[in-house]
Protein backbone atom coordinates (compact mmCIF):
# COMPACT_ATOMS: atom_id res chain seq x y z
CA UNK A 1 -123.59 36.38 -132.15
CA UNK A 2 -124.88 33.19 -134.18
CA UNK A 3 -128.49 32.44 -134.96
CA UNK A 4 -129.28 30.16 -132.81
CA UNK A 5 -128.07 32.20 -130.07
CA UNK A 6 -130.24 35.00 -131.07
CA UNK A 7 -132.57 32.34 -130.93
CA UNK A 8 -132.64 31.35 -127.54
CA UNK A 9 -132.45 34.75 -126.19
CA UNK A 10 -136.12 35.30 -127.85
CA UNK A 11 -137.61 31.79 -126.71
CA UNK A 12 -136.33 31.73 -123.50
CA UNK A 13 -138.19 34.98 -122.64
CA UNK A 14 -141.29 32.62 -124.41
CA UNK A 15 -140.89 29.73 -122.63
CA UNK A 16 -138.80 27.96 -119.87
CA UNK A 17 -139.45 24.62 -121.85
CA UNK A 18 -135.31 24.20 -122.48
CA UNK A 19 -133.87 25.82 -119.95
CA UNK A 20 -131.81 29.30 -120.77
CA UNK A 21 -129.54 28.98 -123.34
CA UNK A 22 -129.38 28.69 -127.68
CA UNK A 23 -128.66 24.95 -129.29
CA UNK A 24 -124.74 24.05 -129.62
CA UNK A 25 -123.72 25.34 -132.90
CA UNK A 26 -120.69 22.83 -133.27
CA UNK A 27 -120.40 20.09 -135.63
CA UNK A 28 -121.39 17.01 -134.27
CA UNK A 29 -118.23 15.30 -133.90
CA UNK A 30 -117.17 17.95 -131.50
CA UNK A 31 -118.47 16.04 -128.62
CA UNK A 32 -116.48 17.65 -125.97
CA UNK A 33 -118.48 20.78 -127.23
CA UNK A 34 -121.87 19.13 -127.26
CA UNK A 35 -121.57 17.67 -123.75
CA UNK A 36 -121.47 20.75 -121.59
CA UNK A 37 -122.19 24.58 -122.41
CA UNK A 38 -119.30 26.41 -123.87
CA UNK A 39 -118.14 30.20 -122.54
CA UNK A 40 -115.42 32.81 -123.99
CA UNK A 41 -112.72 33.44 -121.24
CA UNK A 42 -113.96 37.40 -121.37
CA UNK A 43 -117.88 36.28 -120.84
CA UNK A 44 -116.70 33.55 -117.92
CA UNK A 45 -119.45 33.07 -115.55
CA UNK A 46 -119.06 31.72 -111.73
CA UNK A 47 -118.97 28.22 -111.68
CA UNK A 48 -122.72 28.15 -109.43
CA UNK A 49 -123.72 30.58 -111.72
CA UNK A 50 -122.91 27.96 -114.87
CA UNK A 51 -125.25 25.28 -112.41
CA UNK A 52 -127.90 27.61 -112.14
CA UNK A 53 -127.98 27.72 -115.41
CA UNK A 54 -128.18 23.85 -115.88
CA UNK A 55 -131.50 23.79 -113.42
CA UNK A 56 -134.54 25.32 -114.73
CA UNK A 57 -135.62 25.35 -111.23
CA UNK A 58 -133.65 27.57 -109.42
CA UNK A 59 -134.94 31.27 -108.94
CA UNK A 60 -132.08 32.42 -111.46
CA UNK A 61 -132.61 31.03 -113.99
CA UNK A 62 -136.82 32.26 -113.52
CA UNK A 63 -135.10 35.71 -114.92
CA UNK A 64 -134.40 36.55 -118.34
CA UNK A 65 -132.07 34.93 -120.08
CA UNK A 66 -129.33 37.24 -120.21
CA UNK A 67 -129.59 37.67 -116.46
CA UNK A 68 -129.31 33.90 -115.71
CA UNK A 69 -126.65 32.66 -118.25
CA UNK A 70 -125.21 35.60 -120.23
CA UNK A 71 -125.84 36.39 -123.36
CA UNK A 72 -123.22 34.21 -125.43
CA UNK A 73 -124.10 30.87 -123.49
CA UNK A 74 -124.74 27.95 -125.55
CA UNK A 75 -127.40 25.30 -124.96
CA UNK A 76 -126.50 21.73 -124.15
CA UNK A 77 -128.01 19.17 -126.64
CA UNK A 78 -128.57 16.49 -124.29
CA UNK A 79 -128.29 13.98 -126.67
CA UNK A 80 -126.63 14.71 -129.69
CA UNK A 81 -126.52 11.71 -131.28
CA UNK A 82 -129.96 10.28 -132.10
CA UNK A 83 -131.08 7.27 -134.29
CA UNK A 84 -133.75 7.36 -136.29
CA UNK A 85 -135.97 4.66 -137.37
CA UNK A 86 -138.31 4.76 -140.95
CA UNK A 87 -140.05 2.27 -143.29
CA UNK A 88 -139.41 1.82 -146.87
CA UNK A 89 -141.93 4.54 -148.14
CA UNK A 90 -141.23 8.46 -149.37
CA UNK A 91 -143.60 9.38 -146.83
CA UNK A 92 -140.49 9.66 -144.56
CA UNK A 93 -138.73 12.22 -146.71
CA UNK A 94 -137.94 15.06 -144.18
CA UNK A 95 -135.70 12.64 -142.50
CA UNK A 96 -134.17 12.11 -145.59
CA UNK A 97 -133.43 15.63 -147.24
CA UNK A 98 -132.53 16.95 -143.11
CA UNK A 99 -129.40 14.29 -143.32
CA UNK A 100 -128.79 14.83 -146.96
CA UNK A 101 -128.68 18.82 -146.94
CA UNK A 102 -127.22 18.98 -143.60
CA UNK A 103 -129.79 20.13 -141.73
CA UNK A 104 -129.05 17.96 -138.65
CA UNK A 105 -125.42 18.82 -138.65
CA UNK A 106 -126.21 22.48 -138.67
CA UNK A 107 -128.11 21.72 -135.10
CA UNK A 108 -125.28 19.79 -133.42
CA UNK A 109 -126.85 16.53 -134.44
CA UNK A 110 -125.28 13.35 -135.34
CA UNK A 111 -128.00 11.00 -136.71
CA UNK A 112 -127.99 7.61 -138.29
CA UNK A 113 -130.96 6.61 -140.10
CA UNK A 114 -132.03 2.98 -140.27
CA UNK A 115 -134.84 0.91 -142.62
CA UNK A 116 -137.47 -1.16 -140.55
CA UNK A 117 -139.98 -3.43 -142.04
CA UNK A 118 -142.92 -2.75 -139.55
CA UNK A 119 -144.32 -0.47 -136.80
CA UNK A 120 -143.90 -3.02 -134.15
CA UNK A 121 -140.57 -3.06 -135.07
CA UNK A 122 -140.09 0.38 -135.05
CA UNK A 123 -142.26 0.49 -131.56
CA UNK A 124 -139.86 -2.32 -129.88
CA UNK A 125 -136.95 0.01 -131.54
CA UNK A 126 -137.60 2.86 -129.34
CA UNK A 127 -138.78 0.81 -126.39
CA UNK A 128 -135.24 -1.14 -126.33
CA UNK A 129 -133.70 2.49 -126.64
CA UNK A 130 -131.80 1.00 -130.30
CA UNK A 131 -133.77 4.26 -131.55
CA UNK A 132 -134.25 7.51 -130.56
CA UNK A 133 -137.19 8.68 -132.89
CA UNK A 134 -139.47 6.65 -135.49
CA UNK A 135 -141.56 7.34 -137.97
CA UNK A 136 -144.60 5.45 -137.56
CA UNK A 137 -148.44 5.40 -139.24
CA UNK A 138 -150.91 7.40 -137.27
CA UNK A 139 -153.16 3.86 -136.20
CA UNK A 140 -150.17 1.86 -135.11
CA UNK A 141 -149.25 4.95 -133.08
CA UNK A 142 -152.91 4.98 -131.83
CA UNK A 143 -153.41 1.63 -131.07
CA UNK A 144 -149.79 1.09 -129.12
CA UNK A 145 -150.61 4.16 -127.09
CA UNK A 146 -154.15 2.51 -125.98
CA UNK A 147 -151.93 -0.43 -124.65
CA UNK A 148 -150.06 1.31 -122.30
CA UNK A 149 -147.01 2.36 -124.50
CA UNK A 150 -145.07 4.74 -123.23
CA UNK A 151 -144.35 6.67 -126.27
CA UNK A 152 -145.47 10.30 -127.22
CA UNK A 153 -146.25 11.44 -130.40
CA UNK A 154 -144.15 15.08 -130.98
CA UNK A 155 -144.32 15.90 -135.08
CA UNK A 156 -145.31 14.48 -138.49
CA UNK A 157 -144.05 12.99 -141.61
CA UNK A 158 -147.05 12.70 -143.93
CA UNK A 159 -150.89 13.50 -144.54
CA UNK A 160 -152.46 10.83 -146.97
CA UNK A 161 -150.58 9.01 -149.56
CA UNK A 162 -152.25 5.59 -149.26
CA UNK A 163 -155.00 3.61 -151.55
CA UNK A 164 -155.60 0.18 -152.57
CA UNK A 165 -154.44 -1.61 -156.40
CA UNK A 166 -156.21 -4.15 -158.10
CA UNK A 167 -155.02 -6.66 -161.04
CA UNK A 168 -156.00 -5.55 -164.58
CA UNK A 169 -158.56 -8.20 -164.75
CA UNK A 170 -160.94 -6.62 -162.53
CA UNK A 171 -160.59 -2.78 -163.37
CA UNK A 172 -160.23 -1.34 -166.88
CA UNK A 173 -159.21 1.80 -165.29
CA UNK A 174 -157.89 3.68 -162.27
CA UNK A 175 -160.25 5.00 -159.30
CA UNK A 176 -163.10 3.00 -160.04
CA UNK A 177 -163.89 3.00 -155.86
CA UNK A 178 -164.31 0.46 -153.13
CA UNK A 179 -167.30 -1.42 -154.80
CA UNK A 180 -164.79 -3.03 -157.49
CA UNK A 181 -163.35 -5.18 -154.24
CA UNK A 182 -166.98 -7.16 -153.81
CA UNK A 183 -166.40 -10.75 -153.80
CA UNK A 184 -162.02 -9.85 -154.03
CA UNK A 185 -159.71 -11.30 -151.69
CA UNK A 186 -157.52 -8.12 -150.73
CA UNK A 187 -154.41 -8.41 -149.02
CA UNK A 188 -153.82 -5.68 -146.44
CA UNK A 189 -152.17 -4.86 -143.12
CA UNK A 190 -153.48 -5.19 -139.44
CA UNK A 191 -153.22 -2.42 -137.42
CA UNK A 192 -152.51 -0.03 -140.52
CA UNK A 193 -153.60 2.90 -141.36
CA UNK A 194 -154.60 1.87 -144.92
CA UNK A 195 -156.55 -0.80 -143.39
CA UNK A 196 -158.46 1.79 -140.88
CA UNK A 197 -159.73 3.98 -144.55
CA UNK A 198 -160.45 0.88 -146.06
CA UNK A 199 -162.86 -0.05 -143.62
CA UNK A 200 -164.19 3.57 -143.59
CA UNK A 201 -165.07 3.27 -146.87
CA UNK A 202 -166.56 0.22 -147.42
CA UNK A 203 -168.66 1.03 -144.10
CA UNK A 204 -169.92 4.37 -145.81
CA UNK A 205 -170.63 1.89 -148.49
CA UNK A 206 -172.76 -0.24 -146.87
CA UNK A 207 -170.19 -3.11 -148.11
CA UNK A 208 -169.09 -5.94 -145.60
CA UNK A 209 -166.11 -7.82 -144.99
CA UNK A 210 -165.64 -11.32 -145.27
CA UNK A 211 -165.96 -14.11 -147.87
CA UNK A 212 -168.97 -13.82 -150.58
CA UNK A 213 -169.90 -12.09 -153.91
CA UNK A 214 -171.07 -8.94 -151.83
CA UNK A 215 -167.99 -8.82 -149.44
CA UNK A 216 -164.73 -7.83 -149.18
CA UNK A 217 -162.80 -10.66 -148.16
CA UNK A 218 -159.26 -9.13 -146.03
CA UNK A 219 -156.28 -10.98 -146.07
CA UNK A 220 -154.05 -9.56 -143.42
CA UNK A 221 -149.83 -9.13 -143.64
CA UNK A 222 -147.17 -7.89 -141.11
CA UNK A 223 -146.42 -5.42 -143.23
CA UNK A 224 -146.86 -3.31 -146.69
CA UNK A 225 -144.12 -5.41 -148.81
CA UNK A 226 -145.48 -8.65 -147.50
CA UNK A 227 -149.12 -7.14 -148.15
CA UNK A 228 -147.75 -6.14 -152.25
CA UNK A 229 -145.98 -9.03 -152.95
CA UNK A 230 -149.08 -11.31 -152.25
CA UNK A 231 -150.29 -9.68 -155.50
CA UNK A 232 -148.09 -12.14 -157.21
CA UNK A 233 -150.66 -14.66 -155.40
CA UNK A 234 -153.24 -15.76 -157.80
CA UNK A 235 -155.51 -16.21 -154.73
CA UNK A 236 -154.90 -12.25 -153.62
CA UNK A 237 -156.82 -10.26 -156.19
CA UNK A 238 -155.95 -6.25 -155.02
CA UNK A 239 -153.73 -5.17 -152.16
CA UNK A 240 -153.12 -2.03 -149.95
CA UNK A 241 -150.56 0.32 -151.17
CA UNK A 242 -148.71 3.57 -149.42
CA UNK A 243 -146.01 5.73 -151.08
CA UNK A 244 -144.14 4.35 -153.35
CA UNK A 245 -145.91 0.71 -154.01
CA UNK A 246 -148.78 2.86 -155.60
CA UNK A 247 -146.92 4.35 -158.29
CA UNK A 248 -144.99 0.87 -158.66
CA UNK A 249 -147.69 -0.88 -158.84
CA UNK A 250 -148.90 1.24 -162.00
CA UNK A 251 -145.92 0.75 -163.65
CA UNK A 252 -146.39 -2.96 -163.58
CA UNK A 253 -149.92 -2.58 -165.45
CA UNK A 254 -152.32 -2.66 -161.94
CA UNK A 255 -154.94 -0.42 -161.56
CA UNK A 256 -155.34 2.08 -158.33
CA UNK A 257 -158.83 1.39 -156.75
CA UNK A 258 -158.74 4.86 -154.90
CA UNK A 259 -156.18 7.40 -153.60
CA UNK A 260 -157.38 8.44 -150.20
CA UNK A 261 -156.34 12.26 -150.84
CA UNK A 262 -159.11 11.34 -153.50
CA UNK A 263 -161.88 9.98 -151.07
CA UNK A 264 -163.97 13.15 -149.31
CA UNK A 265 -164.02 11.04 -146.06
CA UNK A 266 -160.57 11.01 -145.98
CA UNK A 267 -159.14 14.21 -146.40
CA UNK A 268 -156.34 15.43 -144.53
CA UNK A 269 -155.97 12.11 -143.40
CA UNK A 270 -153.18 12.04 -140.73
CA UNK A 271 -150.26 9.13 -141.82
CA UNK A 272 -147.61 8.66 -140.46
CA UNK A 273 -146.04 10.63 -136.93
CA UNK A 274 -142.72 11.34 -135.27
CA UNK A 275 -142.65 8.92 -132.36
CA UNK A 276 -140.20 8.75 -129.48
CA UNK A 277 -140.40 7.38 -125.83
CA UNK A 278 -142.02 9.89 -123.41
CA UNK A 279 -139.11 9.83 -120.68
CA UNK A 280 -136.71 10.77 -123.02
CA UNK A 281 -138.64 13.61 -124.41
CA UNK A 282 -139.46 14.78 -121.38
CA UNK A 283 -135.78 14.45 -120.15
CA UNK A 284 -133.80 16.05 -123.45
CA UNK A 285 -135.86 18.48 -124.66
CA UNK A 286 -132.85 20.67 -126.14
CA UNK A 287 -132.37 17.68 -128.78
CA UNK A 288 -135.69 17.02 -129.61
CA UNK A 289 -136.25 20.78 -130.37
CA UNK A 290 -132.74 20.34 -132.85
CA UNK A 291 -134.39 17.16 -134.44
CA UNK A 292 -137.52 19.69 -135.48
CA UNK A 293 -135.75 22.67 -136.26
CA UNK A 294 -133.91 20.22 -138.43
CA UNK A 295 -137.04 18.34 -139.99
CA UNK A 296 -138.47 21.93 -140.41
CA UNK A 297 -135.80 23.26 -142.64
CA UNK A 298 -136.00 20.44 -144.28
CA UNK A 299 -139.77 20.89 -145.09
CA UNK A 300 -138.96 24.37 -146.62
CA UNK A 301 -136.29 22.74 -148.81
CA UNK A 302 -138.77 20.43 -150.41
CA UNK A 303 -141.06 23.38 -150.92
CA UNK A 304 -138.19 24.86 -152.78
CA UNK A 305 -136.25 22.67 -154.70
CA UNK A 306 -137.79 19.20 -156.07
CA UNK A 307 -135.37 18.02 -158.13
CA UNK A 308 -132.70 17.82 -155.48
CA UNK A 309 -135.59 16.50 -152.93
CA UNK A 310 -136.16 13.31 -155.34
CA UNK A 311 -132.63 12.78 -155.35
CA UNK A 312 -131.90 13.19 -151.64
CA UNK A 313 -135.17 10.45 -151.77
CA UNK A 314 -133.68 7.67 -154.01
CA UNK A 315 -130.55 7.52 -151.67
CA UNK A 316 -132.53 5.94 -149.13
CA UNK A 317 -135.79 4.46 -151.33
CA UNK A 318 -134.39 3.31 -154.41
CA UNK A 319 -137.03 3.33 -157.32
CA UNK A 320 -137.27 5.44 -160.56
CA UNK A 321 -136.85 9.12 -159.73
CA UNK A 322 -139.97 9.78 -161.83
CA UNK A 323 -141.93 7.58 -159.30
CA UNK A 324 -140.56 9.36 -156.27
CA UNK A 325 -141.83 12.61 -158.25
CA UNK A 326 -145.11 11.17 -158.40
CA UNK A 327 -145.17 10.34 -155.17
CA UNK A 328 -143.86 13.30 -153.64
CA UNK A 329 -145.19 16.28 -155.85
CA UNK A 330 -148.40 14.63 -157.42
CA UNK A 331 -150.99 15.88 -155.46
CA UNK A 332 -151.60 12.55 -153.50
CA UNK A 333 -149.79 13.35 -150.52
CA UNK A 334 -148.35 15.97 -148.31
CA UNK A 335 -145.15 15.53 -146.38
CA UNK A 336 -145.15 17.73 -143.39
CA UNK A 337 -143.37 18.08 -139.97
CA UNK A 338 -146.52 19.46 -138.01
CA UNK A 339 -148.16 17.46 -135.10
CA UNK A 340 -151.62 17.72 -136.66
CA UNK A 341 -152.94 17.19 -133.12
CA UNK A 342 -156.65 17.75 -134.16
CA UNK A 343 -156.65 15.27 -137.49
CA UNK A 344 -154.98 12.87 -135.12
CA UNK A 345 -157.84 13.10 -132.63
CA UNK A 346 -160.43 12.99 -135.05
CA UNK A 347 -158.49 9.56 -136.23
CA UNK A 348 -158.73 7.75 -132.71
CA UNK A 349 -162.02 8.44 -132.64
CA UNK A 350 -162.73 6.75 -135.97
CA UNK A 351 -160.57 3.58 -135.10
CA UNK A 352 -162.54 3.65 -131.79
CA UNK A 353 -165.46 3.03 -133.45
CA UNK A 354 -164.25 0.86 -135.92
CA UNK A 355 -163.36 -1.45 -133.07
CA UNK A 356 -159.37 -1.01 -133.32
CA UNK A 357 -159.20 -0.25 -129.39
CA UNK A 358 -160.93 0.83 -126.51
CA UNK A 359 -160.93 4.56 -126.12
CA UNK A 360 -158.11 6.05 -123.89
CA UNK A 361 -156.45 9.68 -122.81
CA UNK A 362 -154.23 10.62 -125.78
CA UNK A 363 -153.31 14.11 -124.10
CA UNK A 364 -150.14 12.69 -121.89
CA UNK A 365 -148.75 11.40 -124.92
CA UNK A 366 -149.43 14.27 -127.50
CA UNK A 367 -146.45 16.93 -127.59
CA UNK A 368 -146.87 19.73 -129.73
CA UNK A 369 -144.52 22.11 -127.57
CA UNK A 370 -141.60 20.87 -128.81
CA UNK A 371 -142.59 21.16 -132.29
CA UNK A 372 -144.05 24.91 -131.48
CA UNK A 373 -140.99 26.19 -129.89
CA UNK A 374 -138.68 24.97 -132.62
CA UNK A 375 -141.06 26.69 -135.44
CA UNK A 376 -141.24 29.89 -133.05
CA UNK A 377 -137.46 30.03 -132.97
CA UNK A 378 -136.97 29.51 -136.45
CA UNK A 379 -139.92 32.85 -137.59
CA UNK A 380 -137.95 34.61 -135.25
CA UNK A 381 -134.49 34.57 -137.10
CA UNK A 382 -136.62 35.37 -139.83
CA UNK A 383 -139.85 34.09 -142.21
CA UNK A 384 -141.15 33.68 -145.69
CA UNK A 385 -144.22 32.64 -147.06
CA UNK A 386 -143.91 28.75 -146.47
CA UNK A 387 -142.73 28.92 -142.67
CA UNK A 388 -145.72 31.20 -141.99
CA UNK A 389 -147.48 28.63 -143.77
CA UNK A 390 -146.43 26.00 -141.35
CA UNK A 391 -147.20 29.02 -138.27
CA UNK A 392 -151.16 29.30 -139.96
CA UNK A 393 -151.52 25.25 -140.16
CA UNK A 394 -149.96 24.32 -136.85
CA UNK A 395 -152.64 27.19 -135.42
CA UNK A 396 -155.48 25.62 -136.69
CA UNK A 397 -154.75 22.26 -136.59
CA UNK A 398 -152.87 22.47 -132.58
């Protein structure tokens, strides 16, 4: 019996979220095997029982897994071909590692990764069914939800990893704080976690936004790439930066205004979240659980093989490996698949207070069950300190 069969036998006794059976262990290009559950001839079940196993509402499927579908049954991956959207950021490395190290394939998934320029493009991709999953910043995700977009958070991607940089003529060293932005024109991205963090720090420091020597004039751009490029304009003095733009800026002589990971008011700030269409998550639980298993395995790999992780990331974010290493392992961010629901709820309250959006009920659109089930299944196969730390974090912040 393979690990996935063992996994589902354990999980089925705990939860009926994904029905009976285990993940398909065939390769993603074996379409016949991934389109229906398969049985060995010796274990063949009557056709009506197979139909029962596909219908979680039928009585037989509410029994023990072995009594319902048989010990050798394999659950269907409802949608093995998955398209994932990401931004030009090392923050989304879980997808890169899962692809390069074969974890998607291990879970029976055939994944295509596509880079986009902005959160708006990513959510449009999800809603138009061009994307199944996207790594989207937590602030735009929250504002999209407040506007009624039918999307759900199913996992995490990165915590912290942002900051602002300024031209060297205005600062002689790094991390002098937001006070040095007074009287400056600062390029930022509207509806972004970078902007929200800056607003928090300015408010805490008693600094107003707008034009004037004692204020900070924020100039908004559509994407982080555009905001960073604006530094070439003589009228822009500073700019927001998420990984890897901060390292790039330092290499070009700019100074770091602050790293959010070093600001107490911004500790454990959830950055990017895994986002999918709400109806797709509901209709394809096996697929999304398999996806989370792949991300969890990728996280484990990042904690055990730094050198290969950097090389995997470089295939998607083509900058110097030293910059990637700094962004990923320099202490400025943590790339984790944990949904970090409590941290995101705190951020929601903050952006409501800042006037980004009206308050709204996030509960119908924050799905932690998929990640929980994926993590429990991996722990059931065998744990270590890395997987145990994920369990501890989830229990604390779910």
